[in-house]
Amino acid sequence: EIFAADRLVIPDLQVTKMDNFKSLCVGASDWIEIEECNEKDLANWLRCARNLGYYIVGIEQTSSSVSLCEFQYPDAPTVLLLGKEKEGIPVEYLQLVDQCVEIPQLGIIRSLNVHVSGA
């Protein structure tokens, strides 16, 4: 919401009724549209977004990803695709992104929880 996102797309709207969701979003859900797209429809949703002129960015470490520090934000509406905890973005969706961006880290652990990456 603070980055002027026009919507949040999640796999199940039922999560918005959970107490921990309400606590974590601190009312932001009052100001942003929340849309449901289950995993079986995600590839089609991404294709439709691209056809509408959206640039699709996967937040993932890949052999061709660029560092967040070097990423040039596109002059187009943008979809930020986040993967599942411990699994990341499945390969069939990586094939649909325009670019992958990774968040640089120091230390030994080479991944962030998806909620941290999204934040």
Protein backbone atom coordinates (compact mmCIF):
# COMPACT_ATOMS: atom_id res chain seq x y z
CA GLU A 1 0.00 0.00 0.00
CA ILE A 2 2.80 2.44 0.82
CA PHE A 3 4.32 1.93 -2.64
CA ALA A 4 1.01 2.81 -4.35
CA ALA A 5 0.38 -0.78 -5.41
CA ASP A 6 -3.07 -1.03 -6.88
CA ARG A 7 -3.72 -4.56 -5.66
CA LEU A 8 -2.44 -7.62 -3.84
CA VAL A 9 -3.06 -10.96 -5.51
CA ILE A 10 -3.12 -14.00 -3.22
CA PRO A 11 -4.02 -17.67 -3.79
CA ASP A 12 -6.92 -17.76 -1.29
CA LEU A 13 -9.07 -14.87 -0.05
CA GLN A 14 -9.94 -16.87 3.08
CA VAL A 15 -6.55 -15.88 4.49
CA THR A 16 -7.79 -12.28 4.83
CA LYS A 17 -10.24 -13.45 7.50
CA MET A 18 -7.51 -14.92 9.69
CA ASP A 19 -6.53 -13.01 12.83
CA ASN A 20 -2.80 -13.08 12.04
CA PHE A 21 -3.46 -11.55 8.59
CA LYS A 22 -5.55 -8.78 10.12
CA SER A 23 -2.87 -8.14 12.73
CA LEU A 24 0.00 -8.06 10.22
CA CYS A 25 -1.67 -5.87 7.61
CA VAL A 26 -2.50 -3.20 10.23
CA GLY A 27 -5.43 -1.91 8.21
CA ALA A 28 -3.61 -1.71 4.87
CA SER A 29 -6.22 -4.09 3.47
CA ASP A 30 -8.73 -1.24 3.82
CA TRP A 31 -6.83 0.74 1.17
CA ILE A 32 -5.75 -1.84 -1.38
CA GLU A 33 -7.76 -4.22 -3.51
CA ILE A 34 -7.11 -7.87 -2.71
CA GLU A 35 -7.71 -10.33 -5.54
CA GLU A 36 -7.71 -14.12 -5.52
CA CYS A 37 -5.83 -16.17 -8.10
CA ASN A 38 -5.29 -19.81 -7.23
CA GLU A 39 -2.13 -21.53 -8.38
CA LYS A 40 -3.75 -23.45 -11.24
CA ASP A 41 -4.83 -20.13 -12.81
CA LEU A 42 -1.60 -18.21 -12.15
CA ALA A 43 0.08 -18.82 -15.52
CA ASN A 44 -2.99 -17.51 -17.33
CA TRP A 45 -3.21 -14.54 -14.92
CA LEU A 46 0.42 -13.65 -15.66
CA ARG A 47 -0.14 -13.90 -19.42
CA CYS A 48 -3.19 -11.64 -19.15
CA ALA A 49 -1.20 -9.12 -17.11
CA ARG A 50 1.52 -9.08 -19.77
CA ASN A 51 -1.10 -8.58 -22.50
CA LEU A 52 -2.36 -5.57 -20.53
CA GLY A 53 1.14 -4.05 -20.60
CA TYR A 54 2.46 -5.18 -17.22
CA TYR A 55 6.15 -5.97 -16.77
CA ILE A 56 6.55 -9.13 -14.68
CA VAL A 57 9.39 -9.31 -12.16
CA GLY A 58 10.13 -12.50 -10.23
CA ILE A 59 11.79 -12.04 -6.85
CA GLU A 60 14.11 -15.03 -7.10
CA GLN A 61 17.78 -16.02 -7.26
CA THR A 62 18.50 -17.45 -10.72
CA SER A 63 21.52 -17.65 -13.01
CA SER A 64 20.22 -14.59 -14.87
CA SER A 65 18.76 -12.55 -12.01
CA VAL A 66 19.99 -9.02 -11.36
CA SER A 67 20.71 -7.53 -7.98
CA LEU A 68 18.01 -5.33 -6.49
CA CYS A 69 20.72 -2.65 -6.25
CA GLU A 70 21.20 -2.73 -10.04
CA PHE A 71 17.59 -3.25 -11.09
CA GLN A 72 16.18 -0.51 -13.30
CA TYR A 73 12.51 -0.20 -12.47
CA PRO A 74 10.54 -0.29 -15.75
CA ASP A 75 8.43 2.58 -16.98
CA ALA A 76 5.38 0.32 -17.00
CA PRO A 77 2.94 -1.10 -14.49
CA THR A 78 4.72 -3.98 -12.78
CA VAL A 79 3.80 -7.32 -11.25
CA LEU A 80 6.09 -8.55 -8.47
CA LEU A 81 5.89 -12.34 -8.32
CA LEU A 82 6.92 -13.95 -5.04
CA GLY A 83 7.41 -17.69 -4.60
CA LYS A 84 6.43 -20.16 -1.92
CA GLU A 85 8.31 -20.52 1.35
CA LYS A 86 11.28 -22.91 0.97
CA GLU A 87 10.46 -23.58 -2.71
CA GLY A 88 10.66 -20.22 -4.43
CA ILE A 89 8.97 -19.54 -7.76
CA PRO A 90 8.19 -22.75 -9.69
CA VAL A 91 10.04 -23.04 -13.01
CA GLU A 92 6.83 -22.88 -15.07
CA TYR A 93 6.23 -19.36 -13.72
CA LEU A 94 9.87 -18.31 -14.03
CA GLN A 95 9.46 -18.85 -17.76
CA LEU A 96 6.73 -16.18 -17.76
CA VAL A 97 8.64 -13.37 -16.03
CA ASP A 98 10.41 -10.57 -17.87
CA GLN A 99 13.20 -10.39 -15.33
CA CYS A 100 14.25 -11.95 -12.03
CA VAL A 101 15.59 -9.77 -9.25
CA GLU A 102 17.48 -11.05 -6.22
CA ILE A 103 17.98 -9.31 -2.92
CA PRO A 104 21.71 -9.22 -2.12
CA GLN A 105 22.74 -10.68 1.23
CA LEU A 106 25.85 -11.01 3.33
CA GLY A 107 26.54 -14.00 5.50
CA ILE A 108 25.91 -17.68 5.04
CA ILE A 109 22.14 -18.02 4.62
CA ARG A 110 21.25 -17.51 0.95
CA SER A 111 17.50 -16.99 1.11
CA LEU A 112 14.91 -14.80 2.76
CA ASN A 113 11.44 -15.71 3.92
CA VAL A 114 8.88 -14.70 1.32
CA HIS A 115 7.23 -12.18 3.66
CA VAL A 116 10.59 -10.47 4.17
CA SER A 117 11.27 -10.37 0.42
CA GLY A 118 7.82 -8.95 -0.19
CA ALA A 119 8.27 -6.29 2.44
